[in-house]
């Protein structure tokens, strides 16, 4: 397990969250909370204690989110997931 000081994690300039072995969100940093707060219907999302797939932008993306989470859980250490985000118009 990789350990970083709590203050370092909290102050990362990018959204980040930590999940346990079951994919349950155990903490999220300030940038993640700010990102969620500015995401329309997710402004009141409290993901702590929930499966990380709650971060999926829509129900149709939950399977993709679960696949990303399962891949992260199967790897050692830190896993960085990146994907393209399309606007509702389909424009990149």
N, C-alpha and C. Protein backbone atom coordinates (compact mmCIF):
# COMPACT_ATOMS: atom_id res chain seq x y z
N UNK A 1 0.84 -1.17 0.00
CA UNK A 1 0.00 0.00 0.00
C UNK A 1 0.89 1.24 0.00
N UNK A 2 0.53 2.20 -0.80
CA UNK A 2 1.26 3.46 -0.85
C UNK A 2 0.61 4.44 0.12
N UNK A 3 1.42 5.04 0.95
CA UNK A 3 0.90 6.01 1.93
C UNK A 3 1.47 7.38 1.61
N UNK A 4 0.62 8.36 1.58
CA UNK A 4 1.08 9.74 1.46
C UNK A 4 0.47 10.52 2.61
N UNK A 5 1.14 11.56 3.05
CA UNK A 5 0.59 12.35 4.17
C UNK A 5 -0.80 12.88 3.83
N UNK A 6 -1.68 12.89 4.81
CA UNK A 6 -3.04 13.37 4.61
C UNK A 6 -3.08 14.77 4.00
N UNK A 7 -2.21 15.66 4.46
CA UNK A 7 -2.22 17.03 3.95
C UNK A 7 -1.81 17.08 2.48
N UNK A 8 -0.91 16.20 2.07
CA UNK A 8 -0.50 16.15 0.67
C UNK A 8 -1.66 15.70 -0.19
N UNK A 9 -2.35 14.64 0.22
CA UNK A 9 -3.51 14.14 -0.52
C UNK A 9 -4.60 15.21 -0.59
N UNK A 10 -4.90 15.81 0.53
CA UNK A 10 -5.97 16.82 0.60
C UNK A 10 -5.68 17.99 -0.33
N UNK A 11 -4.43 18.35 -0.49
CA UNK A 11 -4.07 19.53 -1.26
C UNK A 11 -3.60 19.24 -2.69
N UNK A 12 -3.75 18.00 -3.15
CA UNK A 12 -3.42 17.70 -4.55
C UNK A 12 -4.21 18.64 -5.45
N UNK A 13 -3.62 19.13 -6.54
CA UNK A 13 -4.33 20.06 -7.42
C UNK A 13 -5.32 19.38 -8.35
N UNK A 14 -5.44 18.06 -8.29
CA UNK A 14 -6.36 17.32 -9.14
C UNK A 14 -7.35 16.53 -8.27
N UNK A 15 -8.57 16.31 -8.77
CA UNK A 15 -9.52 15.51 -8.01
C UNK A 15 -8.98 14.10 -7.80
N UNK A 16 -9.12 13.59 -6.58
CA UNK A 16 -8.66 12.24 -6.25
C UNK A 16 -9.52 11.69 -5.12
N UNK A 17 -9.68 10.37 -5.14
CA UNK A 17 -10.39 9.71 -4.05
C UNK A 17 -9.75 8.36 -3.80
N UNK A 18 -9.99 7.81 -2.62
CA UNK A 18 -9.41 6.54 -2.22
C UNK A 18 -10.57 5.57 -2.00
N UNK A 19 -10.38 4.33 -2.53
CA UNK A 19 -11.39 3.29 -2.33
C UNK A 19 -10.78 2.13 -1.56
N UNK A 20 -11.64 1.38 -0.90
CA UNK A 20 -11.16 0.19 -0.20
C UNK A 20 -11.20 -1.01 -1.16
N UNK A 21 -10.96 -2.19 -0.65
CA UNK A 21 -10.86 -3.40 -1.48
C UNK A 21 -12.18 -3.78 -2.15
N UNK A 22 -13.28 -3.19 -1.72
CA UNK A 22 -14.59 -3.47 -2.33
C UNK A 22 -15.05 -2.36 -3.27
N UNK A 23 -14.23 -1.32 -3.42
CA UNK A 23 -14.61 -0.20 -4.29
C UNK A 23 -15.40 0.88 -3.57
N UNK A 24 -15.42 0.82 -2.25
CA UNK A 24 -16.14 1.80 -1.45
C UNK A 24 -15.25 3.02 -1.22
N UNK A 25 -15.80 4.21 -1.44
CA UNK A 25 -15.05 5.45 -1.26
C UNK A 25 -14.82 5.66 0.23
N UNK A 26 -13.54 5.82 0.61
CA UNK A 26 -13.23 6.04 2.02
C UNK A 26 -12.80 7.48 2.28
N UNK A 27 -12.31 8.16 1.25
CA UNK A 27 -12.02 9.59 1.39
C UNK A 27 -11.85 10.21 0.01
N UNK A 28 -12.01 11.51 -0.04
CA UNK A 28 -11.81 12.26 -1.27
C UNK A 28 -11.14 13.57 -0.90
N UNK A 29 -10.37 14.12 -1.84
CA UNK A 29 -9.65 15.34 -1.50
C UNK A 29 -10.47 16.59 -1.85
N UNK A 30 -9.94 17.72 -1.49
CA UNK A 30 -10.62 19.00 -1.69
C UNK A 30 -10.98 19.23 -3.16
N UNK A 31 -10.05 18.92 -4.07
CA UNK A 31 -10.30 19.13 -5.50
C UNK A 31 -11.46 18.25 -5.98
N UNK A 32 -11.57 17.03 -5.45
CA UNK A 32 -12.68 16.14 -5.83
C UNK A 32 -14.00 16.71 -5.32
N UNK A 33 -14.02 17.17 -4.07
CA UNK A 33 -15.25 17.75 -3.52
C UNK A 33 -15.66 18.99 -4.31
N UNK A 34 -14.71 19.81 -4.70
CA UNK A 34 -14.99 21.01 -5.48
C UNK A 34 -15.51 20.63 -6.87
N UNK A 35 -14.89 19.63 -7.48
CA UNK A 35 -15.33 19.15 -8.79
C UNK A 35 -16.78 18.68 -8.73
N UNK A 36 -17.11 17.89 -7.72
CA UNK A 36 -18.47 17.37 -7.57
C UNK A 36 -19.45 18.51 -7.31
N UNK A 37 -19.07 19.46 -6.49
CA UNK A 37 -19.94 20.59 -6.16
C UNK A 37 -20.32 21.39 -7.40
N UNK A 38 -19.46 21.40 -8.41
CA UNK A 38 -19.70 22.18 -9.62
C UNK A 38 -20.26 21.35 -10.77
N UNK A 39 -20.78 20.15 -10.49
CA UNK A 39 -21.24 19.24 -11.54
C UNK A 39 -22.75 19.11 -11.64
N UNK A 40 -23.47 20.18 -11.54
CA UNK A 40 -24.92 20.12 -11.75
C UNK A 40 -25.64 19.19 -10.79
N UNK A 41 -26.20 18.07 -11.30
CA UNK A 41 -27.03 17.22 -10.45
C UNK A 41 -26.26 16.53 -9.32
N UNK A 42 -24.93 16.60 -9.35
CA UNK A 42 -24.13 15.92 -8.33
C UNK A 42 -23.70 16.86 -7.21
N UNK A 43 -24.23 18.07 -7.18
CA UNK A 43 -23.73 19.06 -6.22
C UNK A 43 -23.84 18.61 -4.77
N UNK A 44 -24.78 17.74 -4.46
CA UNK A 44 -24.96 17.30 -3.08
C UNK A 44 -24.46 15.88 -2.84
N UNK A 45 -23.72 15.32 -3.81
CA UNK A 45 -23.24 13.94 -3.70
C UNK A 45 -22.28 13.79 -2.52
N UNK A 46 -22.61 12.86 -1.65
CA UNK A 46 -21.71 12.48 -0.57
C UNK A 46 -21.34 11.03 -0.83
N UNK A 47 -20.18 10.82 -1.46
CA UNK A 47 -19.80 9.49 -1.91
C UNK A 47 -19.14 8.65 -0.83
N UNK A 48 -18.73 9.25 0.28
CA UNK A 48 -18.07 8.49 1.34
C UNK A 48 -19.02 7.38 1.82
N UNK A 49 -18.50 6.14 1.79
CA UNK A 49 -19.30 5.00 2.21
C UNK A 49 -20.09 4.36 1.08
N UNK A 50 -20.05 4.94 -0.10
CA UNK A 50 -20.75 4.38 -1.25
C UNK A 50 -19.75 3.80 -2.25
N UNK A 51 -20.23 2.95 -3.15
CA UNK A 51 -19.37 2.40 -4.19
C UNK A 51 -18.94 3.54 -5.12
N UNK A 52 -17.70 3.50 -5.57
CA UNK A 52 -17.14 4.59 -6.38
C UNK A 52 -17.89 4.80 -7.70
N UNK A 53 -18.69 3.84 -8.12
CA UNK A 53 -19.46 4.02 -9.35
C UNK A 53 -20.49 5.14 -9.23
N UNK A 54 -20.73 5.65 -8.01
CA UNK A 54 -21.66 6.79 -7.86
C UNK A 54 -21.11 8.02 -8.57
N UNK A 55 -19.82 8.03 -8.88
CA UNK A 55 -19.23 9.16 -9.59
C UNK A 55 -19.56 9.14 -11.09
N UNK A 56 -20.13 8.03 -11.59
CA UNK A 56 -20.45 7.95 -13.01
C UNK A 56 -21.43 9.06 -13.38
N UNK A 57 -21.21 9.70 -14.53
CA UNK A 57 -22.02 10.85 -14.94
C UNK A 57 -23.46 10.47 -15.27
N UNK A 58 -23.71 9.22 -15.59
CA UNK A 58 -25.09 8.78 -15.87
C UNK A 58 -25.18 7.28 -15.60
N UNK A 59 -26.40 6.78 -15.40
CA UNK A 59 -26.55 5.35 -15.15
C UNK A 59 -25.97 4.48 -16.26
N UNK A 60 -26.00 4.95 -17.48
CA UNK A 60 -25.48 4.15 -18.59
C UNK A 60 -23.96 4.00 -18.51
N UNK A 61 -23.29 4.85 -17.74
CA UNK A 61 -21.83 4.78 -17.61
C UNK A 61 -21.36 3.97 -16.39
N UNK A 62 -22.31 3.49 -15.59
CA UNK A 62 -21.94 2.73 -14.40
C UNK A 62 -21.14 1.48 -14.76
N UNK A 63 -21.51 0.70 -15.79
CA UNK A 63 -20.69 -0.48 -16.13
C UNK A 63 -19.24 -0.10 -16.46
N UNK A 64 -19.04 1.00 -17.19
CA UNK A 64 -17.69 1.46 -17.52
C UNK A 64 -16.96 1.86 -16.24
N UNK A 65 -17.64 2.55 -15.35
CA UNK A 65 -17.02 2.96 -14.08
C UNK A 65 -16.64 1.73 -13.27
N UNK A 66 -17.51 0.72 -13.24
CA UNK A 66 -17.20 -0.51 -12.49
C UNK A 66 -16.00 -1.22 -13.09
N UNK A 67 -15.88 -1.21 -14.41
CA UNK A 67 -14.72 -1.84 -15.05
C UNK A 67 -13.42 -1.13 -14.67
N UNK A 68 -13.47 0.20 -14.65
CA UNK A 68 -12.29 0.98 -14.25
C UNK A 68 -11.93 0.68 -12.80
N UNK A 69 -12.93 0.62 -11.94
CA UNK A 69 -12.71 0.35 -10.52
C UNK A 69 -12.14 -1.05 -10.33
N UNK A 70 -12.71 -2.04 -11.03
CA UNK A 70 -12.21 -3.41 -10.92
C UNK A 70 -10.76 -3.51 -11.38
N UNK A 71 -10.40 -2.78 -12.45
CA UNK A 71 -9.02 -2.76 -12.93
C UNK A 71 -8.10 -2.17 -11.87
N UNK A 72 -8.54 -1.09 -11.25
CA UNK A 72 -7.74 -0.46 -10.20
C UNK A 72 -7.55 -1.40 -9.02
N UNK A 73 -8.60 -2.11 -8.64
CA UNK A 73 -8.52 -3.02 -7.50
C UNK A 73 -7.61 -4.20 -7.79
N UNK A 74 -7.48 -4.57 -9.05
CA UNK A 74 -6.64 -5.71 -9.42
C UNK A 74 -5.16 -5.33 -9.55
N UNK A 75 -4.87 -4.03 -9.51
CA UNK A 75 -3.48 -3.58 -9.66
C UNK A 75 -2.86 -3.30 -8.30
N UNK A 76 -1.55 -3.17 -8.29
CA UNK A 76 -0.84 -2.83 -7.06
C UNK A 76 -0.65 -1.33 -7.00
N UNK A 77 -0.80 -0.76 -5.83
CA UNK A 77 -0.51 0.66 -5.65
C UNK A 77 -1.55 1.59 -6.23
N UNK A 78 -1.09 2.71 -6.73
CA UNK A 78 -1.96 3.77 -7.24
C UNK A 78 -2.34 3.46 -8.68
N UNK A 79 -3.59 3.65 -9.00
CA UNK A 79 -4.07 3.45 -10.38
C UNK A 79 -4.67 4.76 -10.85
N UNK A 80 -4.22 5.21 -11.99
CA UNK A 80 -4.75 6.45 -12.55
C UNK A 80 -5.62 6.09 -13.74
N UNK A 81 -6.87 6.50 -13.70
CA UNK A 81 -7.79 6.23 -14.80
C UNK A 81 -8.07 7.53 -15.54
N UNK A 82 -8.01 7.46 -16.86
CA UNK A 82 -8.32 8.62 -17.68
C UNK A 82 -9.26 8.18 -18.79
N UNK A 83 -10.19 9.04 -19.13
CA UNK A 83 -11.08 8.77 -20.24
C UNK A 83 -11.53 10.10 -20.83
N UNK A 84 -11.96 10.04 -22.08
CA UNK A 84 -12.43 11.26 -22.74
C UNK A 84 -13.83 11.58 -22.25
N UNK A 85 -14.08 12.86 -22.10
CA UNK A 85 -15.40 13.31 -21.70
C UNK A 85 -16.01 14.01 -22.90
N UNK A 86 -17.19 13.57 -23.28
CA UNK A 86 -17.92 14.21 -24.37
C UNK A 86 -19.01 15.07 -23.80
N UNK A 87 -19.19 16.22 -24.36
CA UNK A 87 -20.29 17.07 -23.93
C UNK A 87 -21.59 16.45 -24.44
N UNK A 88 -22.71 16.91 -23.93
CA UNK A 88 -23.99 16.33 -24.32
C UNK A 88 -24.23 16.44 -25.82
N UNK A 89 -23.54 17.34 -26.49
CA UNK A 89 -23.68 17.50 -27.94
C UNK A 89 -22.86 16.45 -28.68
N UNK A 90 -21.99 15.73 -27.95
CA UNK A 90 -21.12 14.75 -28.59
C UNK A 90 -19.82 15.35 -29.05
N UNK A 91 -19.60 16.64 -28.78
CA UNK A 91 -18.38 17.33 -29.18
C UNK A 91 -17.32 17.07 -28.13
N UNK A 92 -16.10 16.79 -28.59
CA UNK A 92 -14.99 16.54 -27.67
C UNK A 92 -14.38 17.83 -27.21
